[in-house]
Amino acid sequence: MELVIMSAAIMIGLGALGTGIGFALLGGKLLESTARQPELGPQLQTKTFLMAGLLDAVPMIGVGIAMYLIFVVAPGMGA
């Protein structure tokens, strides 16, 4: 049972770490490309927000799977 909870915690933690790195890279590239071509700023910002929404969906799926492991799989292992 402890192994299931530990694996769920690792899933949530690595998902958060990957999302943080992804947001940092995405924001950096937005600033670089806006500095190079300022007239494309609004288009780039729209595409960046779209990608940020997709990037934010990945850890939410990980949290859902981790909650499933904790509340559905782990209680059945205690018997």
PDB file of N, CA and C in Angstrom:
ATOM      1  N   MET A   1       0.817  -1.191   0.000  1.00  0.00           N
ATOM      2  CA  MET A   1       0.000   0.000   0.000  1.00  0.00           C
ATOM      3  C   MET A   1       0.861   1.256   0.000  1.00  0.00           C
ATOM      4  N   GLU A   2       1.947   1.230   0.754  1.00  0.00           N
ATOM      5  CA  GLU A   2       2.828   2.385   0.788  1.00  0.00           C
ATOM      6  C   GLU A   2       3.491   2.621  -0.558  1.00  0.00           C
ATOM      7  N   LEU A   3       3.714   1.541  -1.292  1.00  0.00           N
ATOM      8  CA  LEU A   3       4.347   1.671  -2.604  1.00  0.00           C
ATOM      9  C   LEU A   3       3.425   2.378  -3.594  1.00  0.00           C
ATOM     10  N   VAL A   4       2.129   2.128  -3.494  1.00  0.00           N
ATOM     11  CA  VAL A   4       1.167   2.789  -4.373  1.00  0.00           C
ATOM     12  C   VAL A   4       1.121   4.281  -4.062  1.00  0.00           C
ATOM     13  N   ILE A   5       1.117   4.626  -2.786  1.00  0.00           N
ATOM     14  CA  ILE A   5       1.083   6.043  -2.404  1.00  0.00           C
ATOM     15  C   ILE A   5       2.381   6.735  -2.807  1.00  0.00           C
ATOM     16  N   MET A   6       3.505   6.045  -2.659  1.00  0.00           N
ATOM     17  CA  MET A   6       4.779   6.614  -3.068  1.00  0.00           C
ATOM     18  C   MET A   6       4.831   6.837  -4.581  1.00  0.00           C
ATOM     19  N   SER A   7       4.318   5.888  -5.343  1.00  0.00           N
ATOM     20  CA  SER A   7       4.314   6.050  -6.800  1.00  0.00           C
ATOM     21  C   SER A   7       3.383   7.179  -7.219  1.00  0.00           C
ATOM     22  N   ALA A   8       2.262   7.354  -6.528  1.00  0.00           N
ATOM     23  CA  ALA A   8       1.357   8.468  -6.833  1.00  0.00           C
ATOM     24  C   ALA A   8       2.039   9.801  -6.532  1.00  0.00           C
ATOM     25  N   ALA A   9       2.767   9.874  -5.441  1.00  0.00           N
ATOM     26  CA  ALA A   9       3.476  11.113  -5.092  1.00  0.00           C
ATOM     27  C   ALA A   9       4.560  11.427  -6.113  1.00  0.00           C
ATOM     28  N   ILE A  10       5.247  10.416  -6.591  1.00  0.00           N
ATOM     29  CA  ILE A  10       6.275  10.631  -7.615  1.00  0.00           C
ATOM     30  C   ILE A  10       5.640  11.096  -8.914  1.00  0.00           C
ATOM     31  N   MET A  11       4.482  10.527  -9.275  1.00  0.00           N
ATOM     32  CA  MET A  11       3.786  10.959 -10.485  1.00  0.00           C
ATOM     33  C   MET A  11       3.405  12.432 -10.410  1.00  0.00           C
ATOM     34  N   ILE A  12       2.851  12.848  -9.285  1.00  0.00           N
ATOM     35  CA  ILE A  12       2.435  14.243  -9.134  1.00  0.00           C
ATOM     36  C   ILE A  12       3.656  15.163  -9.128  1.00  0.00           C
ATOM     37  N   GLY A  13       4.697  14.768  -8.426  1.00  0.00           N
ATOM     38  CA  GLY A  13       5.897  15.604  -8.341  1.00  0.00           C
ATOM     39  C   GLY A  13       6.608  15.772  -9.667  1.00  0.00           C
ATOM     40  N   LEU A  14       6.777  14.682 -10.398  1.00  0.00           N
ATOM     41  CA  LEU A  14       7.450  14.791 -11.698  1.00  0.00           C
ATOM     42  C   LEU A  14       6.586  15.523 -12.714  1.00  0.00           C
ATOM     43  N   GLY A  15       5.272  15.376 -12.615  1.00  0.00           N
ATOM     44  CA  GLY A  15       4.387  16.141 -13.496  1.00  0.00           C
ATOM     45  C   GLY A  15       4.503  17.631 -13.245  1.00  0.00           C
ATOM     46  N   ALA A  16       4.570  18.011 -11.973  1.00  0.00           N
ATOM     47  CA  ALA A  16       4.725  19.428 -11.626  1.00  0.00           C
ATOM     48  C   ALA A  16       6.087  19.959 -12.064  1.00  0.00           C
ATOM     49  N   LEU A  17       7.120  19.158 -11.892  1.00  0.00           N
ATOM     50  CA  LEU A  17       8.461  19.575 -12.305  1.00  0.00           C
ATOM     51  C   LEU A  17       8.535  19.764 -13.815  1.00  0.00           C
ATOM     52  N   GLY A  18       7.990  18.826 -14.560  1.00  0.00           N
ATOM     53  CA  GLY A  18       7.997  18.934 -16.017  1.00  0.00           C
ATOM     54  C   GLY A  18       7.199  20.119 -16.512  1.00  0.00           C
ATOM     55  N   THR A  19       6.077  20.392 -15.858  1.00  0.00           N
ATOM     56  CA  THR A  19       5.266  21.540 -16.256  1.00  0.00           C
ATOM     57  C   THR A  19       5.990  22.845 -15.954  1.00  0.00           C
ATOM     58  N   GLY A  20       6.661  22.916 -14.831  1.00  0.00           N
ATOM     59  CA  GLY A  20       7.420  24.125 -14.499  1.00  0.00           C
ATOM     60  C   GLY A  20       8.525  24.399 -15.502  1.00  0.00           C
ATOM     61  N   ILE A  21       9.232  23.360 -15.887  1.00  0.00           N
ATOM     62  CA  ILE A  21      10.286  23.519 -16.891  1.00  0.00           C
ATOM     63  C   ILE A  21       9.679  23.913 -18.237  1.00  0.00           C
ATOM     64  N   GLY A  22       8.550  23.301 -18.585  1.00  0.00           N
ATOM     65  CA  GLY A  22       7.890  23.625 -19.846  1.00  0.00           C
ATOM     66  C   GLY A  22       7.422  25.068 -19.903  1.00  0.00           C
ATOM     67  N   PHE A  23       6.834  25.557 -18.792  1.00  0.00           N
ATOM     68  CA  PHE A  23       6.394  26.952 -18.760  1.00  0.00           C
ATOM     69  C   PHE A  23       7.582  27.901 -18.852  1.00  0.00           C
ATOM     70  N   ALA A  24       8.683  27.555 -18.223  1.00  0.00           N
ATOM     71  CA  ALA A  24       9.873  28.413 -18.284  1.00  0.00           C
ATOM     72  C   ALA A  24      10.408  28.496 -19.713  1.00  0.00           C
ATOM     73  N   LEU A  25      10.496  27.371 -20.383  1.00  0.00           N
ATOM     74  CA  LEU A  25      10.964  27.375 -21.773  1.00  0.00           C
ATOM     75  C   LEU A  25       9.993  28.111 -22.685  1.00  0.00           C
ATOM     76  N   LEU A  26       8.703  27.892 -22.482  1.00  0.00           N
ATOM     77  CA  LEU A  26       7.694  28.535 -23.315  1.00  0.00           C
ATOM     78  C   LEU A  26       7.728  30.052 -23.146  1.00  0.00           C
ATOM     79  N   GLY A  27       7.821  30.521 -21.918  1.00  0.00           N
ATOM     80  CA  GLY A  27       7.887  31.967 -21.679  1.00  0.00           C
ATOM     81  C   GLY A  27       9.160  32.586 -22.225  1.00  0.00           C
ATOM     82  N   GLY A  28      10.261  31.884 -22.089  1.00  0.00           N
ATOM     83  CA  GLY A  28      11.529  32.388 -22.622  1.00  0.00           C
ATOM     84  C   GLY A  28      11.512  32.516 -24.132  1.00  0.00           C
ATOM     85  N   LYS A  29      10.962  31.513 -24.796  1.00  0.00           N
ATOM     86  CA  LYS A  29      10.875  31.558 -26.257  1.00  0.00           C
ATOM     87  C   LYS A  29       9.916  32.645 -26.720  1.00  0.00           C
ATOM     88  N   LEU A  30       8.843  32.876 -25.954  1.00  0.00           N
ATOM     89  CA  LEU A  30       7.918  33.962 -26.304  1.00  0.00           C
ATOM     90  C   LEU A  30       8.635  35.309 -26.232  1.00  0.00           C
ATOM     91  N   LEU A  31       9.397  35.530 -25.174  1.00  0.00           N
ATOM     92  CA  LEU A  31      10.119  36.801 -25.045  1.00  0.00           C
ATOM     93  C   LEU A  31      11.165  36.969 -26.135  1.00  0.00           C
ATOM     94  N   GLU A  32      11.869  35.887 -26.465  1.00  0.00           N
ATOM     95  CA  GLU A  32      12.872  35.963 -27.529  1.00  0.00           C
ATOM     96  C   GLU A  32      12.246  36.307 -28.869  1.00  0.00           C
ATOM     97  N   SER A  33      11.167  35.608 -29.210  1.00  0.00           N
ATOM     98  CA  SER A  33      10.562  35.830 -30.520  1.00  0.00           C
ATOM     99  C   SER A  33       9.842  37.168 -30.593  1.00  0.00           C
ATOM    100  N   THR A  34       9.282  37.644 -29.493  1.00  0.00           N
ATOM    101  CA  THR A  34       8.651  38.961 -29.496  1.00  0.00           C
ATOM    102  C   THR A  34       9.704  40.062 -29.597  1.00  0.00           C
ATOM    103  N   ALA A  35      10.872  39.846 -29.006  1.00  0.00           N
ATOM    104  CA  ALA A  35      11.943  40.831 -29.109  1.00  0.00           C
ATOM    105  C   ALA A  35      12.489  40.897 -30.533  1.00  0.00           C
ATOM    106  N   ARG A  36      12.490  39.769 -31.233  1.00  0.00           N
ATOM    107  CA  ARG A  36      13.001  39.765 -32.611  1.00  0.00           C
ATOM    108  C   ARG A  36      12.015  40.386 -33.584  1.00  0.00           C
ATOM    109  N   GLN A  37      10.730  40.057 -33.421  1.00  0.00           N
ATOM    110  CA  GLN A  37       9.705  40.587 -34.324  1.00  0.00           C
ATOM    111  C   GLN A  37       8.526  41.096 -33.503  1.00  0.00           C
ATOM    112  N   PRO A  38       8.579  42.349 -33.076  1.00  0.00           N
ATOM    113  CA  PRO A  38       7.526  42.875 -32.207  1.00  0.00           C
ATOM    114  C   PRO A  38       6.146  42.929 -32.862  1.00  0.00           C
ATOM    115  N   GLU A  39       6.087  43.014 -34.172  1.00  0.00           N
ATOM    116  CA  GLU A  39       4.790  43.092 -34.848  1.00  0.00           C
ATOM    117  C   GLU A  39       4.016  41.775 -34.779  1.00  0.00           C
ATOM    118  N   LEU A  40       4.694  40.679 -34.495  1.00  0.00           N
ATOM    119  CA  LEU A  40       4.028  39.377 -34.354  1.00  0.00           C
ATOM    120  C   LEU A  40       3.659  39.059 -32.909  1.00  0.00           C
ATOM    121  N   GLY A  41       3.825  40.010 -32.012  1.00  0.00           N
ATOM    122  CA  GLY A  41       3.578  39.791 -30.593  1.00  0.00           C
ATOM    123  C   GLY A  41       2.199  39.251 -30.256  1.00  0.00           C
ATOM    124  N   PRO A  42       1.111  39.859 -30.752  1.00  0.00           N
ATOM    125  CA  PRO A  42      -0.219  39.338 -30.410  1.00  0.00           C
ATOM    126  C   PRO A  42      -0.472  37.912 -30.920  1.00  0.00           C
ATOM    127  N   GLN A  43       0.003  37.604 -32.111  1.00  0.00           N
ATOM    128  CA  GLN A  43      -0.167  36.240 -32.640  1.00  0.00           C
ATOM    129  C   GLN A  43       0.625  35.236 -31.812  1.00  0.00           C
ATOM    130  N   LEU A  44       1.851  35.612 -31.468  1.00  0.00           N
ATOM    131  CA  LEU A  44       2.682  34.711 -30.671  1.00  0.00           C
ATOM    132  C   LEU A  44       2.097  34.508 -29.280  1.00  0.00           C
ATOM    133  N   GLN A  45       1.522  35.565 -28.710  1.00  0.00           N
ATOM    134  CA  GLN A  45       0.947  35.453 -27.381  1.00  0.00           C
ATOM    135  C   GLN A  45      -0.267  34.537 -27.394  1.00  0.00           C
ATOM    136  N   THR A  46      -1.080  34.630 -28.422  1.00  0.00           N
ATOM    137  CA  THR A  46      -2.249  33.746 -28.533  1.00  0.00           C
ATOM    138  C   THR A  46      -1.821  32.290 -28.624  1.00  0.00           C
ATOM    139  N   LYS A  47      -0.830  32.023 -29.448  1.00  0.00           N
ATOM    140  CA  LYS A  47      -0.343  30.646 -29.592  1.00  0.00           C
ATOM    141  C   LYS A  47       0.323  30.160 -28.306  1.00  0.00           C
ATOM    142  N   THR A  48       0.993  31.060 -27.595  1.00  0.00           N
ATOM    143  CA  THR A  48       1.626  30.684 -26.337  1.00  0.00           C
ATOM    144  C   THR A  48       0.585  30.312 -25.291  1.00  0.00           C
ATOM    145  N   PHE A  49      -0.517  31.080 -25.223  1.00  0.00           N
ATOM    146  CA  PHE A  49      -1.558  30.753 -24.250  1.00  0.00           C
ATOM    147  C   PHE A  49      -2.236  29.436 -24.599  1.00  0.00           C
ATOM    148  N   LEU A  50      -2.383  29.146 -25.882  1.00  0.00           N
ATOM    149  CA  LEU A  50      -2.943  27.855 -26.295  1.00  0.00           C
ATOM    150  C   LEU A  50      -2.025  26.717 -25.868  1.00  0.00           C
ATOM    151  N   MET A  51      -0.744  26.878 -26.097  1.00  0.00           N
ATOM    152  CA  MET A  51       0.210  25.845 -25.694  1.00  0.00           C
ATOM    153  C   MET A  51       0.300  25.718 -24.177  1.00  0.00           C
ATOM    154  N   ALA A  52       0.151  26.829 -23.465  1.00  0.00           N
ATOM    155  CA  ALA A  52       0.177  26.782 -21.999  1.00  0.00           C
ATOM    156  C   ALA A  52      -1.008  25.987 -21.467  1.00  0.00           C
ATOM    157  N   GLY A  53      -2.160  26.132 -22.101  1.00  0.00           N
ATOM    158  CA  GLY A  53      -3.322  25.341 -21.686  1.00  0.00           C
ATOM    159  C   GLY A  53      -3.116  23.864 -21.921  1.00  0.00           C
ATOM    160  N   LEU A  54      -2.518  23.520 -23.052  1.00  0.00           N
ATOM    161  CA  LEU A  54      -2.228  22.111 -23.326  1.00  0.00           C
ATOM    162  C   LEU A  54      -1.161  21.575 -22.379  1.00  0.00           C
ATOM    163  N   LEU A  55      -0.183  22.411 -22.081  1.00  0.00           N
ATOM    164  CA  LEU A  55       0.891  22.007 -21.171  1.00  0.00           C
ATOM    165  C   LEU A  55       0.373  21.805 -19.756  1.00  0.00           C
ATOM    166  N   ASP A  56      -0.616  22.586 -19.374  1.00  0.00           N
ATOM    167  CA  ASP A  56      -1.177  22.485 -18.029  1.00  0.00           C
ATOM    168  C   ASP A  56      -2.093  21.272 -17.888  1.00  0.00           C
ATOM    169  N   ALA A  57      -2.549  20.707 -18.990  1.00  0.00           N
ATOM    170  CA  ALA A  57      -3.438  19.549 -18.928  1.00  0.00           C
ATOM    171  C   ALA A  57      -2.689  18.278 -18.526  1.00  0.00           C
ATOM    172  N   VAL A  58      -1.421  18.215 -18.828  1.00  0.00           N
ATOM    173  CA  VAL A  58      -0.650  16.989 -18.566  1.00  0.00           C
ATOM    174  C   VAL A  58      -0.560  16.673 -17.071  1.00  0.00           C
ATOM    175  N   PRO A  59      -0.192  17.624 -16.189  1.00  0.00           N
ATOM    176  CA  PRO A  59      -0.158  17.256 -14.766  1.00  0.00           C
ATOM    177  C   PRO A  59      -1.543  17.015 -14.176  1.00  0.00           C
ATOM    178  N   MET A  60      -2.577  17.620 -14.772  1.00  0.00           N
ATOM    179  CA  MET A  60      -3.932  17.348 -14.282  1.00  0.00           C
ATOM    180  C   MET A  60      -4.309  15.887 -14.527  1.00  0.00           C
ATOM    181  N   ILE A  61      -3.898  15.356 -15.654  1.00  0.00           N
ATOM    182  CA  ILE A  61      -4.138  13.935 -15.938  1.00  0.00           C
ATOM    183  C   ILE A  61      -3.348  13.077 -14.952  1.00  0.00           C
ATOM    184  N   GLY A  62      -2.106  13.494 -14.662  1.00  0.00           N
ATOM    185  CA  GLY A  62      -1.298  12.772 -13.683  1.00  0.00           C
ATOM    186  C   GLY A  62      -1.910  12.788 -12.301  1.00  0.00           C
ATOM    187  N   VAL A  63      -2.485  13.919 -11.908  1.00  0.00           N
ATOM    188  CA  VAL A  63      -3.145  14.003 -10.607  1.00  0.00           C
ATOM    189  C   VAL A  63      -4.365  13.094 -10.580  1.00  0.00           C
ATOM    190  N   GLY A  64      -5.107  13.051 -11.679  1.00  0.00           N
ATOM    191  CA  GLY A  64      -6.271  12.163 -11.745  1.00  0.00           C
ATOM    192  C   GLY A  64      -5.887  10.703 -11.610  1.00  0.00           C
ATOM    193  N   ILE A  65      -4.827  10.298 -12.292  1.00  0.00           N
ATOM    194  CA  ILE A  65      -4.370   8.908 -12.196  1.00  0.00           C
ATOM    195  C   ILE A  65      -3.842   8.621 -10.792  1.00  0.00           C
ATOM    196  N   ALA A  66      -3.138   9.588 -10.195  1.00  0.00           N
ATOM    197  CA  ALA A  66      -2.615   9.400  -8.834  1.00  0.00           C
ATOM    198  C   ALA A  66      -3.754   9.272  -7.830  1.00  0.00           C
ATOM    199  N   MET A  67      -4.792  10.078  -7.975  1.00  0.00           N
ATOM    200  CA  MET A  67      -5.946   9.964  -7.081  1.00  0.00           C
ATOM    201  C   MET A  67      -6.638   8.614  -7.249  1.00  0.00           C
ATOM    202  N   TYR A  68      -6.711   8.154  -8.478  1.00  0.00           N
ATOM    203  CA  TYR A  68      -7.272   6.824  -8.725  1.00  0.00           C
ATOM    204  C   TYR A  68      -6.450   5.758  -8.000  1.00  0.00           C
ATOM    205  N   LEU A  69      -5.134   5.847  -8.080  1.00  0.00           N
ATOM    206  CA  LEU A  69      -4.283   4.879  -7.410  1.00  0.00           C
ATOM    207  C   LEU A  69      -4.465   4.925  -5.891  1.00  0.00           C
ATOM    208  N   ILE A  70      -4.553   6.131  -5.339  1.00  0.00           N
ATOM    209  CA  ILE A  70      -4.643   6.266  -3.882  1.00  0.00           C
ATOM    210  C   ILE A  70      -5.992   5.791  -3.363  1.00  0.00           C
ATOM    211  N   PHE A  71      -7.072   6.215  -4.013  1.00  0.00           N
ATOM    212  CA  PHE A  71      -8.389   5.973  -3.446  1.00  0.00           C
ATOM    213  C   PHE A  71      -9.086   4.717  -3.950  1.00  0.00           C
ATOM    214  N   VAL A  72      -8.647   4.174  -5.078  1.00  0.00           N
ATOM    215  CA  VAL A  72      -9.312   2.967  -5.614  1.00  0.00           C
ATOM    216  C   VAL A  72      -8.401   1.745  -5.490  1.00  0.00           C
ATOM    217  N   VAL A  73      -7.158   1.878  -5.891  1.00  0.00           N
ATOM    218  CA  VAL A  73      -6.266   0.719  -5.892  1.00  0.00           C
ATOM    219  C   VAL A  73      -5.705   0.435  -4.502  1.00  0.00           C
ATOM    220  N   ALA A  74      -5.238   1.473  -3.791  1.00  0.00           N
ATOM    221  CA  ALA A  74      -4.561   1.271  -2.503  1.00  0.00           C
ATOM    222  C   ALA A  74      -5.485   0.702  -1.417  1.00  0.00           C
ATOM    223  N   PRO A  75      -6.746   1.136  -1.270  1.00  0.00           N
ATOM    224  CA  PRO A  75      -7.570   0.533  -0.218  1.00  0.00           C
ATOM    225  C   PRO A  75      -7.837  -0.960  -0.437  1.00  0.00           C
ATOM    226  N   GLY A  76      -7.844  -1.398  -1.671  1.00  0.00           N
ATOM    227  CA  GLY A  76      -8.043  -2.814  -1.939  1.00  0.00           C
ATOM    228  C   GLY A  76      -6.839  -3.665  -1.610  1.00  0.00           C
ATOM    229  N   MET A  77      -5.660  -3.037  -1.457  1.00  0.00           N
ATOM    230  CA  MET A  77      -4.450  -3.797  -1.176  1.00  0.00           C
ATOM    231  C   MET A  77      -4.254  -4.030   0.307  1.00  0.00           C
ATOM    232  N   GLY A  78      -5.009  -3.327   1.157  1.00  0.00           N
ATOM    233  CA  GLY A  78      -4.827  -3.468   2.596  1.00  0.00           C
ATOM    234  C   GLY A  78      -5.406  -4.761   3.175  1.00  0.00           C
ATOM    235  N   ALA A  79      -6.223  -5.462   2.425  1.00  0.00           N
ATOM    236  CA  ALA A  79      -6.879  -6.666   2.959  1.00  0.00           C
ATOM    237  C   ALA A  79      -6.018  -7.878   2.938  1.00  0.00           C
TER     238      ALA A  79
END
